[in-house]
All heavy atoms as atom14 arrays in JSON, in Angstrom:
{
  "sequence": "DNRGLAITLLGKQHMVACPKGKEDDLLAAAQKLNTELNEFKLRAH",
  "atom14_mask": [
    [1, 1, 1, 1, 1, 1, 1, 1, 0, 0, 0, 0, 0, 0],
    [1, 1, 1, 1, 1, 1, 1, 1, 0, 0, 0, 0, 0, 0],
    [1, 1, 1, 1, 1, 1, 1, 1, 1, 1, 1, 0, 0, 0],
    [1, 1, 1, 1, 0, 0, 0, 0, 0, 0, 0, 0, 0, 0],
    [1, 1, 1, 1, 1, 1, 1, 1, 0, 0, 0, 0, 0, 0],
    [1, 1, 1, 1, 1, 0, 0, 0, 0, 0, 0, 0, 0, 0],
    [1, 1, 1, 1, 1, 1, 1, 1, 0, 0, 0, 0, 0, 0],
    [1, 1, 1, 1, 1, 1, 1, 0, 0, 0, 0, 0, 0, 0],
    [1, 1, 1, 1, 1, 1, 1, 1, 0, 0, 0, 0, 0, 0],
    [1, 1, 1, 1, 1, 1, 1, 1, 0, 0, 0, 0, 0, 0],
    [1, 1, 1, 1, 0, 0, 0, 0, 0, 0, 0, 0, 0, 0],
    [1, 1, 1, 1, 1, 1, 1, 1, 1, 0, 0, 0, 0, 0],
    [1, 1, 1, 1, 1, 1, 1, 1, 1, 0, 0, 0, 0, 0],
    [1, 1, 1, 1, 1, 1, 1, 1, 1, 1, 0, 0, 0, 0],
    [1, 1, 1, 1, 1, 1, 1, 1, 0, 0, 0, 0, 0, 0],
    [1, 1, 1, 1, 1, 1, 1, 0, 0, 0, 0, 0, 0, 0],
    [1, 1, 1, 1, 1, 0, 0, 0, 0, 0, 0, 0, 0, 0],
    [1, 1, 1, 1, 1, 1, 0, 0, 0, 0, 0, 0, 0, 0],
    [1, 1, 1, 1, 1, 1, 1, 0, 0, 0, 0, 0, 0, 0],
    [1, 1, 1, 1, 1, 1, 1, 1, 1, 0, 0, 0, 0, 0],
    [1, 1, 1, 1, 0, 0, 0, 0, 0, 0, 0, 0, 0, 0],
    [1, 1, 1, 1, 1, 1, 1, 1, 1, 0, 0, 0, 0, 0],
    [1, 1, 1, 1, 1, 1, 1, 1, 1, 0, 0, 0, 0, 0],
    [1, 1, 1, 1, 1, 1, 1, 1, 0, 0, 0, 0, 0, 0],
    [1, 1, 1, 1, 1, 1, 1, 1, 0, 0, 0, 0, 0, 0],
    [1, 1, 1, 1, 1, 1, 1, 1, 0, 0, 0, 0, 0, 0],
    [1, 1, 1, 1, 1, 1, 1, 1, 0, 0, 0, 0, 0, 0],
    [1, 1, 1, 1, 1, 0, 0, 0, 0, 0, 0, 0, 0, 0],
    [1, 1, 1, 1, 1, 0, 0, 0, 0, 0, 0, 0, 0, 0],
    [1, 1, 1, 1, 1, 0, 0, 0, 0, 0, 0, 0, 0, 0],
    [1, 1, 1, 1, 1, 1, 1, 1, 1, 0, 0, 0, 0, 0],
    [1, 1, 1, 1, 1, 1, 1, 1, 1, 0, 0, 0, 0, 0],
    [1, 1, 1, 1, 1, 1, 1, 1, 0, 0, 0, 0, 0, 0],
    [1, 1, 1, 1, 1, 1, 1, 1, 0, 0, 0, 0, 0, 0],
    [1, 1, 1, 1, 1, 1, 1, 0, 0, 0, 0, 0, 0, 0],
    [1, 1, 1, 1, 1, 1, 1, 1, 1, 0, 0, 0, 0, 0],
    [1, 1, 1, 1, 1, 1, 1, 1, 0, 0, 0, 0, 0, 0],
    [1, 1, 1, 1, 1, 1, 1, 1, 0, 0, 0, 0, 0, 0],
    [1, 1, 1, 1, 1, 1, 1, 1, 1, 0, 0, 0, 0, 0],
    [1, 1, 1, 1, 1, 1, 1, 1, 1, 1, 1, 0, 0, 0],
    [1, 1, 1, 1, 1, 1, 1, 1, 1, 0, 0, 0, 0, 0],
    [1, 1, 1, 1, 1, 1, 1, 1, 0, 0, 0, 0, 0, 0],
    [1, 1, 1, 1, 1, 1, 1, 1, 1, 1, 1, 0, 0, 0],
    [1, 1, 1, 1, 1, 0, 0, 0, 0, 0, 0, 0, 0, 0],
    [1, 1, 1, 1, 1, 1, 1, 1, 1, 1, 0, 0, 0, 0]
  ],
  "atom14_positions": [
    [[90.58, 90.74, 92.15], [91.9, 90.38, 91.66], [92.87, 90.1, 92.79], [94.0, 89.69, 92.55], [92.47, 91.5, 90.78], [91.7, 91.66, 89.48], [91.05, 90.69, 89.06], [91.75, 92.75, 88.91], [0.0, 0.0, 0.0], [0.0, 0.0, 0.0], [0.0, 0.0, 0.0], [0.0, 0.0, 0.0], [0.0, 0.0, 0.0], [0.0, 0.0, 0.0]],
    [[92.47, 90.35, 94.03], [93.34, 90.15, 95.19], [92.89, 88.94, 95.99], [91.73, 88.57, 95.96], [93.34, 91.38, 96.11], [94.06, 92.54, 95.51], [95.0, 92.39, 94.75], [93.62, 93.73, 95.85], [0.0, 0.0, 0.0], [0.0, 0.0, 0.0], [0.0, 0.0, 0.0], [0.0, 0.0, 0.0], [0.0, 0.0, 0.0], [0.0, 0.0, 0.0]],
    [[93.84, 88.38, 96.71], [93.49, 87.34, 97.67], [94.27, 87.6, 98.93], [95.31, 88.26, 98.91], [93.75, 85.95, 97.11], [95.21, 85.68, 96.75], [95.39, 84.26, 96.31], [95.31, 83.41, 97.48], [96.18, 82.47, 97.8], [97.19, 82.24, 97.01], [96.04, 81.74, 98.88], [0.0, 0.0, 0.0], [0.0, 0.0, 0.0], [0.0, 0.0, 0.0]],
    [[93.78, 87.09, 100.05], [94.48, 87.25, 101.31], [95.64, 86.27, 101.4], [95.54, 85.13, 100.99], [0.0, 0.0, 0.0], [0.0, 0.0, 0.0], [0.0, 0.0, 0.0], [0.0, 0.0, 0.0], [0.0, 0.0, 0.0], [0.0, 0.0, 0.0], [0.0, 0.0, 0.0], [0.0, 0.0, 0.0], [0.0, 0.0, 0.0], [0.0, 0.0, 0.0]],
    [[96.75, 86.76, 101.92], [97.94, 85.92, 102.07], [98.51, 86.15, 103.45], [98.64, 87.3, 103.89], [98.96, 86.29, 100.99], [100.15, 85.38, 100.82], [99.7, 84.0, 100.34], [101.13, 85.96, 99.82], [0.0, 0.0, 0.0], [0.0, 0.0, 0.0], [0.0, 0.0, 0.0], [0.0, 0.0, 0.0], [0.0, 0.0, 0.0], [0.0, 0.0, 0.0]],
    [[98.85, 85.09, 104.14], [99.42, 85.2, 105.49], [100.93, 85.3, 105.38], [101.58, 84.5, 104.7], [99.03, 83.99, 106.33], [0.0, 0.0, 0.0], [0.0, 0.0, 0.0], [0.0, 0.0, 0.0], [0.0, 0.0, 0.0], [0.0, 0.0, 0.0], [0.0, 0.0, 0.0], [0.0, 0.0, 0.0], [0.0, 0.0, 0.0], [0.0, 0.0, 0.0]],
    [[101.49, 86.32, 106.03], [102.94, 86.46, 106.13], [103.3, 86.56, 107.61], [102.47, 86.94, 108.43], [103.48, 87.69, 105.36], [102.9, 88.99, 105.93], [103.19, 87.55, 103.87], [103.57, 90.24, 105.41], [0.0, 0.0, 0.0], [0.0, 0.0, 0.0], [0.0, 0.0, 0.0], [0.0, 0.0, 0.0], [0.0, 0.0, 0.0], [0.0, 0.0, 0.0]],
    [[104.52, 86.21, 107.94], [104.99, 86.29, 109.32], [106.16, 87.24, 109.4], [107.14, 87.1, 108.66], [105.4, 84.89, 109.84], [104.29, 84.02, 109.72], [105.84, 84.96, 111.29], [0.0, 0.0, 0.0], [0.0, 0.0, 0.0], [0.0, 0.0, 0.0], [0.0, 0.0, 0.0], [0.0, 0.0, 0.0], [0.0, 0.0, 0.0], [0.0, 0.0, 0.0]],
    [[106.03, 88.24, 110.28], [107.1, 89.2, 110.54], [107.31, 89.28, 112.04], [106.35, 89.49, 112.79], [106.74, 90.58, 109.99], [106.5, 90.67, 108.48], [105.99, 92.05, 108.11], [107.77, 90.34, 107.72], [0.0, 0.0, 0.0], [0.0, 0.0, 0.0], [0.0, 0.0, 0.0], [0.0, 0.0, 0.0], [0.0, 0.0, 0.0], [0.0, 0.0, 0.0]],
    [[108.54, 89.1, 112.47], [108.89, 89.15, 113.89], [108.01, 88.23, 114.73], [107.57, 88.57, 115.81], [108.83, 90.59, 114.42], [109.86, 91.55, 113.84], [109.58, 92.97, 114.3], [111.28, 91.13, 114.24], [0.0, 0.0, 0.0], [0.0, 0.0, 0.0], [0.0, 0.0, 0.0], [0.0, 0.0, 0.0], [0.0, 0.0, 0.0], [0.0, 0.0, 0.0]],
    [[107.73, 87.06, 114.17], [106.97, 86.06, 114.91], [105.47, 86.29, 114.96], [104.76, 85.56, 115.63], [0.0, 0.0, 0.0], [0.0, 0.0, 0.0], [0.0, 0.0, 0.0], [0.0, 0.0, 0.0], [0.0, 0.0, 0.0], [0.0, 0.0, 0.0], [0.0, 0.0, 0.0], [0.0, 0.0, 0.0], [0.0, 0.0, 0.0], [0.0, 0.0, 0.0]],
    [[105.0, 87.32, 114.28], [103.57, 87.62, 114.27], [103.03, 87.44, 112.86], [103.63, 87.9, 111.89], [103.32, 89.06, 114.74], [103.75, 89.31, 116.17], [103.58, 90.75, 116.52], [104.18, 91.01, 117.91], [104.39, 92.41, 118.16], [0.0, 0.0, 0.0], [0.0, 0.0, 0.0], [0.0, 0.0, 0.0], [0.0, 0.0, 0.0], [0.0, 0.0, 0.0]],
    [[101.87, 86.79, 112.77], [101.27, 86.55, 111.48], [100.36, 87.72, 111.1], [99.65, 88.27, 111.94], [100.46, 85.26, 111.49], [100.07, 84.8, 110.11], [99.45, 83.42, 110.11], [98.6, 83.14, 110.93], [99.89, 82.58, 109.19], [0.0, 0.0, 0.0], [0.0, 0.0, 0.0], [0.0, 0.0, 0.0], [0.0, 0.0, 0.0], [0.0, 0.0, 0.0]],
    [[100.44, 88.1, 109.83], [99.65, 89.2, 109.29], [98.99, 88.73, 108.0], [99.61, 88.05, 107.19], [100.53, 90.42, 108.98], [101.34, 90.89, 110.13], [100.86, 91.78, 111.05], [102.6, 90.59, 110.52], [101.79, 92.02, 111.96], [102.85, 91.29, 111.67], [0.0, 0.0, 0.0], [0.0, 0.0, 0.0], [0.0, 0.0, 0.0], [0.0, 0.0, 0.0]],
    [[97.74, 89.14, 107.8], [97.05, 88.87, 106.54], [97.16, 90.13, 105.67], [96.87, 91.23, 106.13], [95.58, 88.54, 106.78], [95.35, 87.18, 107.41], [95.91, 85.8, 106.41], [94.81, 85.87, 105.02], [0.0, 0.0, 0.0], [0.0, 0.0, 0.0], [0.0, 0.0, 0.0], [0.0, 0.0, 0.0], [0.0, 0.0, 0.0], [0.0, 0.0, 0.0]],
    [[97.61, 89.94, 104.45], [97.76, 91.07, 103.53], [97.11, 90.72, 102.2], [97.01, 89.54, 101.82], [99.25, 91.44, 103.31], [99.88, 91.94, 104.59], [100.04, 90.26, 102.78], [0.0, 0.0, 0.0], [0.0, 0.0, 0.0], [0.0, 0.0, 0.0], [0.0, 0.0, 0.0], [0.0, 0.0, 0.0], [0.0, 0.0, 0.0], [0.0, 0.0, 0.0]],
    [[96.65, 91.74, 101.49], [96.09, 91.54, 100.16], [97.22, 91.33, 99.17], [98.27, 91.97, 99.26], [95.24, 92.74, 99.76], [0.0, 0.0, 0.0], [0.0, 0.0, 0.0], [0.0, 0.0, 0.0], [0.0, 0.0, 0.0], [0.0, 0.0, 0.0], [0.0, 0.0, 0.0], [0.0, 0.0, 0.0], [0.0, 0.0, 0.0], [0.0, 0.0, 0.0]],
    [[97.0, 90.43, 98.23], [98.03, 90.13, 97.24], [97.36, 89.87, 95.9], [96.39, 89.09, 95.83], [98.8, 88.89, 97.7], [100.09, 88.38, 96.54], [0.0, 0.0, 0.0], [0.0, 0.0, 0.0], [0.0, 0.0, 0.0], [0.0, 0.0, 0.0], [0.0, 0.0, 0.0], [0.0, 0.0, 0.0], [0.0, 0.0, 0.0], [0.0, 0.0, 0.0]],
    [[97.85, 90.5, 94.83], [97.29, 90.22, 93.5], [97.5, 88.74, 93.14], [98.54, 88.16, 93.46], [98.1, 91.11, 92.56], [98.7, 92.16, 93.43], [98.91, 91.51, 94.76], [0.0, 0.0, 0.0], [0.0, 0.0, 0.0], [0.0, 0.0, 0.0], [0.0, 0.0, 0.0], [0.0, 0.0, 0.0], [0.0, 0.0, 0.0], [0.0, 0.0, 0.0]],
    [[96.51, 88.17, 92.5], [96.63, 86.78, 92.05], [97.85, 86.63, 91.16], [98.12, 87.49, 90.32], [95.37, 86.34, 91.32], [94.18, 86.17, 92.23], [92.95, 85.71, 91.46], [91.77, 85.61, 92.41], [90.53, 85.3, 91.72], [0.0, 0.0, 0.0], [0.0, 0.0, 0.0], [0.0, 0.0, 0.0], [0.0, 0.0, 0.0], [0.0, 0.0, 0.0]],
    [[98.59, 85.57, 91.37], [99.79, 85.31, 90.58], [101.05, 85.93, 91.15], [102.15, 85.68, 90.65], [0.0, 0.0, 0.0], [0.0, 0.0, 0.0], [0.0, 0.0, 0.0], [0.0, 0.0, 0.0], [0.0, 0.0, 0.0], [0.0, 0.0, 0.0], [0.0, 0.0, 0.0], [0.0, 0.0, 0.0], [0.0, 0.0, 0.0], [0.0, 0.0, 0.0]],
    [[100.92, 86.77, 92.17], [102.09, 87.43, 92.77], [102.41, 86.89, 94.16], [103.23, 87.46, 94.88], [101.85, 88.95, 92.86], [101.68, 89.62, 91.51], [102.96, 89.56, 90.73], [102.83, 90.31, 89.43], [104.08, 90.29, 88.66], [0.0, 0.0, 0.0], [0.0, 0.0, 0.0], [0.0, 0.0, 0.0], [0.0, 0.0, 0.0], [0.0, 0.0, 0.0]],
    [[101.78, 85.78, 94.54], [101.95, 85.24, 95.88], [103.41, 84.9, 96.19], [103.91, 85.24, 97.26], [101.07, 83.99, 96.08], [99.59, 84.27, 96.01], [99.0, 84.19, 94.6], [99.77, 84.02, 93.62], [97.78, 84.31, 94.49], [0.0, 0.0, 0.0], [0.0, 0.0, 0.0], [0.0, 0.0, 0.0], [0.0, 0.0, 0.0], [0.0, 0.0, 0.0]],
    [[104.09, 84.24, 95.25], [105.48, 83.85, 95.49], [106.38, 85.07, 95.68], [107.27, 85.07, 96.53], [106.01, 82.98, 94.35], [105.39, 81.59, 94.34], [104.82, 81.17, 95.37], [105.46, 80.93, 93.29], [0.0, 0.0, 0.0], [0.0, 0.0, 0.0], [0.0, 0.0, 0.0], [0.0, 0.0, 0.0], [0.0, 0.0, 0.0], [0.0, 0.0, 0.0]],
    [[106.13, 86.12, 94.89], [106.92, 87.34, 95.02], [106.71, 87.99, 96.39], [107.67, 88.42, 97.03], [106.54, 88.36, 93.93], [106.94, 87.9, 92.53], [107.82, 87.02, 92.41], [106.35, 88.42, 91.57], [0.0, 0.0, 0.0], [0.0, 0.0, 0.0], [0.0, 0.0, 0.0], [0.0, 0.0, 0.0], [0.0, 0.0, 0.0], [0.0, 0.0, 0.0]],
    [[105.45, 88.04, 96.82], [105.16, 88.65, 98.12], [105.75, 87.82, 99.25], [106.31, 88.37, 100.2], [103.65, 88.82, 98.31], [103.24, 89.45, 99.64], [103.85, 90.84, 99.81], [101.74, 89.52, 99.75], [0.0, 0.0, 0.0], [0.0, 0.0, 0.0], [0.0, 0.0, 0.0], [0.0, 0.0, 0.0], [0.0, 0.0, 0.0], [0.0, 0.0, 0.0]],
    [[105.65, 86.51, 99.16], [106.22, 85.65, 100.21], [107.75, 85.79, 100.27], [108.33, 85.83, 101.35], [105.83, 84.19, 99.99], [104.36, 83.87, 100.25], [104.04, 82.43, 99.82], [104.01, 84.07, 101.73], [0.0, 0.0, 0.0], [0.0, 0.0, 0.0], [0.0, 0.0, 0.0], [0.0, 0.0, 0.0], [0.0, 0.0, 0.0], [0.0, 0.0, 0.0]],
    [[108.39, 85.91, 99.1], [109.84, 86.1, 99.08], [110.22, 87.45, 99.7], [111.19, 87.55, 100.45], [110.37, 86.01, 97.64], [0.0, 0.0, 0.0], [0.0, 0.0, 0.0], [0.0, 0.0, 0.0], [0.0, 0.0, 0.0], [0.0, 0.0, 0.0], [0.0, 0.0, 0.0], [0.0, 0.0, 0.0], [0.0, 0.0, 0.0], [0.0, 0.0, 0.0]],
    [[109.44, 88.49, 99.39], [109.7, 89.81, 99.97], [109.49, 89.78, 101.48], [110.29, 90.35, 102.23], [108.78, 90.85, 99.33], [0.0, 0.0, 0.0], [0.0, 0.0, 0.0], [0.0, 0.0, 0.0], [0.0, 0.0, 0.0], [0.0, 0.0, 0.0], [0.0, 0.0, 0.0], [0.0, 0.0, 0.0], [0.0, 0.0, 0.0], [0.0, 0.0, 0.0]],
    [[108.44, 89.11, 101.93], [108.17, 89.01, 103.37], [109.29, 88.24, 104.07], [109.7, 88.62, 105.17], [106.82, 88.34, 103.61], [0.0, 0.0, 0.0], [0.0, 0.0, 0.0], [0.0, 0.0, 0.0], [0.0, 0.0, 0.0], [0.0, 0.0, 0.0], [0.0, 0.0, 0.0], [0.0, 0.0, 0.0], [0.0, 0.0, 0.0], [0.0, 0.0, 0.0]],
    [[109.78, 87.2, 103.44], [110.87, 86.42, 104.03], [112.14, 87.26, 104.13], [112.83, 87.25, 105.15], [111.13, 85.16, 103.21], [112.18, 84.25, 103.81], [112.34, 82.96, 103.03], [111.89, 82.84, 101.89], [112.99, 82.0, 103.63], [0.0, 0.0, 0.0], [0.0, 0.0, 0.0], [0.0, 0.0, 0.0], [0.0, 0.0, 0.0], [0.0, 0.0, 0.0]],
    [[112.44, 88.02, 103.08], [113.61, 88.91, 103.1], [113.46, 89.95, 104.2], [114.39, 90.21, 104.97], [113.75, 89.59, 101.73], [114.7, 90.75, 101.65], [116.12, 90.31, 101.58], [117.02, 91.51, 101.29], [118.35, 91.33, 101.81], [0.0, 0.0, 0.0], [0.0, 0.0, 0.0], [0.0, 0.0, 0.0], [0.0, 0.0, 0.0], [0.0, 0.0, 0.0]],
    [[112.28, 90.56, 104.29], [112.03, 91.57, 105.32], [112.13, 90.96, 106.71], [112.77, 91.53, 107.6], [110.65, 92.2, 105.13], [110.23, 93.23, 106.17], [111.24, 94.37, 106.28], [108.84, 93.76, 105.86], [0.0, 0.0, 0.0], [0.0, 0.0, 0.0], [0.0, 0.0, 0.0], [0.0, 0.0, 0.0], [0.0, 0.0, 0.0], [0.0, 0.0, 0.0]],
    [[111.58, 89.79, 106.91], [111.64, 89.13, 108.21], [113.08, 88.84, 108.61], [113.47, 89.02, 109.77], [110.8, 87.86, 108.22], [110.56, 87.34, 109.61], [110.17, 88.09, 110.5], [110.82, 86.06, 109.8], [0.0, 0.0, 0.0], [0.0, 0.0, 0.0], [0.0, 0.0, 0.0], [0.0, 0.0, 0.0], [0.0, 0.0, 0.0], [0.0, 0.0, 0.0]],
    [[113.89, 88.4, 107.66], [115.31, 88.16, 107.93], [116.0, 89.45, 108.35], [116.75, 89.47, 109.34], [116.0, 87.57, 106.69], [115.38, 86.31, 106.38], [117.49, 87.38, 106.91], [0.0, 0.0, 0.0], [0.0, 0.0, 0.0], [0.0, 0.0, 0.0], [0.0, 0.0, 0.0], [0.0, 0.0, 0.0], [0.0, 0.0, 0.0], [0.0, 0.0, 0.0]],
    [[115.76, 90.53, 107.61], [116.35, 91.83, 107.96], [115.91, 92.28, 109.35], [116.72, 92.77, 110.14], [115.95, 92.89, 106.93], [116.5, 92.67, 105.54], [117.96, 93.01, 105.41], [118.47, 93.86, 106.17], [118.61, 92.42, 104.52], [0.0, 0.0, 0.0], [0.0, 0.0, 0.0], [0.0, 0.0, 0.0], [0.0, 0.0, 0.0], [0.0, 0.0, 0.0]],
    [[114.63, 92.11, 109.66], [114.1, 92.52, 110.96], [114.75, 91.73, 112.09], [115.19, 92.31, 113.09], [112.58, 92.32, 111.0], [111.74, 93.23, 110.11], [110.31, 92.72, 110.03], [111.79, 94.67, 110.6], [0.0, 0.0, 0.0], [0.0, 0.0, 0.0], [0.0, 0.0, 0.0], [0.0, 0.0, 0.0], [0.0, 0.0, 0.0], [0.0, 0.0, 0.0]],
    [[114.84, 90.43, 111.93], [115.42, 89.6, 112.98], [116.91, 89.87, 113.17], [117.4, 89.91, 114.3], [115.16, 88.11, 112.69], [113.73, 87.73, 112.96], [113.16, 88.08, 113.99], [113.13, 87.01, 112.03], [0.0, 0.0, 0.0], [0.0, 0.0, 0.0], [0.0, 0.0, 0.0], [0.0, 0.0, 0.0], [0.0, 0.0, 0.0], [0.0, 0.0, 0.0]],
    [[117.64, 90.06, 112.06], [119.07, 90.37, 112.17], [119.28, 91.71, 112.87], [120.16, 91.84, 113.72], [119.72, 90.36, 110.79], [119.87, 88.97, 110.22], [120.41, 88.96, 108.81], [120.66, 90.04, 108.22], [120.58, 87.84, 108.27], [0.0, 0.0, 0.0], [0.0, 0.0, 0.0], [0.0, 0.0, 0.0], [0.0, 0.0, 0.0], [0.0, 0.0, 0.0]],
    [[118.48, 92.7, 112.51], [118.61, 94.01, 113.15], [118.28, 93.91, 114.63], [118.97, 94.5, 115.48], [117.72, 95.06, 112.49], [117.9, 96.43, 113.07], [118.88, 97.26, 112.59], [117.12, 96.87, 114.13], [119.09, 98.53, 113.14], [117.31, 98.12, 114.69], [118.29, 98.95, 114.19], [0.0, 0.0, 0.0], [0.0, 0.0, 0.0], [0.0, 0.0, 0.0]],
    [[117.23, 93.18, 114.95], [116.81, 93.05, 116.35], [117.92, 92.42, 117.19], [118.16, 92.85, 118.32], [115.53, 92.21, 116.44], [114.86, 92.29, 117.79], [113.47, 91.66, 117.74], [112.74, 91.95, 119.04], [111.36, 91.47, 119.01], [0.0, 0.0, 0.0], [0.0, 0.0, 0.0], [0.0, 0.0, 0.0], [0.0, 0.0, 0.0], [0.0, 0.0, 0.0]],
    [[118.64, 91.45, 116.64], [119.76, 90.83, 117.36], [120.91, 91.82, 117.54], [121.51, 91.89, 118.62], [120.25, 89.59, 116.61], [119.35, 88.38, 116.67], [119.88, 87.27, 115.75], [119.21, 87.86, 118.09], [0.0, 0.0, 0.0], [0.0, 0.0, 0.0], [0.0, 0.0, 0.0], [0.0, 0.0, 0.0], [0.0, 0.0, 0.0], [0.0, 0.0, 0.0]],
    [[121.22, 92.57, 116.49], [122.32, 93.54, 116.56], [122.01, 94.69, 117.5], [122.88, 95.18, 118.21], [122.64, 94.11, 115.18], [123.37, 93.19, 114.26], [123.9, 93.9, 113.01], [122.98, 94.82, 112.39], [122.11, 94.5, 111.43], [122.01, 93.28, 111.0], [121.34, 95.43, 110.89], [0.0, 0.0, 0.0], [0.0, 0.0, 0.0], [0.0, 0.0, 0.0]],
    [[120.76, 95.15, 117.49], [120.39, 96.34, 118.25], [120.04, 96.03, 119.7], [119.97, 96.93, 120.52], [119.21, 97.04, 117.58], [0.0, 0.0, 0.0], [0.0, 0.0, 0.0], [0.0, 0.0, 0.0], [0.0, 0.0, 0.0], [0.0, 0.0, 0.0], [0.0, 0.0, 0.0], [0.0, 0.0, 0.0], [0.0, 0.0, 0.0], [0.0, 0.0, 0.0]],
    [[119.83, 94.77, 120.01], [119.46, 94.36, 121.37], [118.27, 95.18, 121.88], [118.29, 95.67, 123.0], [120.65, 94.5, 122.34], [121.85, 93.75, 121.9], [121.92, 92.38, 121.9], [123.05, 94.18, 121.43], [123.1, 92.0, 121.46], [123.81, 93.05, 121.17], [0.0, 0.0, 0.0], [0.0, 0.0, 0.0], [0.0, 0.0, 0.0], [0.0, 0.0, 0.0]]
  ]
}
């Protein structure tokens, strides 16, 4: 029921398991997380 999905966090690609049909949700979550990570990294130096 799972498939591998590539996400990028802090410029590094990761393969994660994702239930079929939930790919868009996982990609949206990864994009939100990546934005938060990059913004924090800029603020925290």
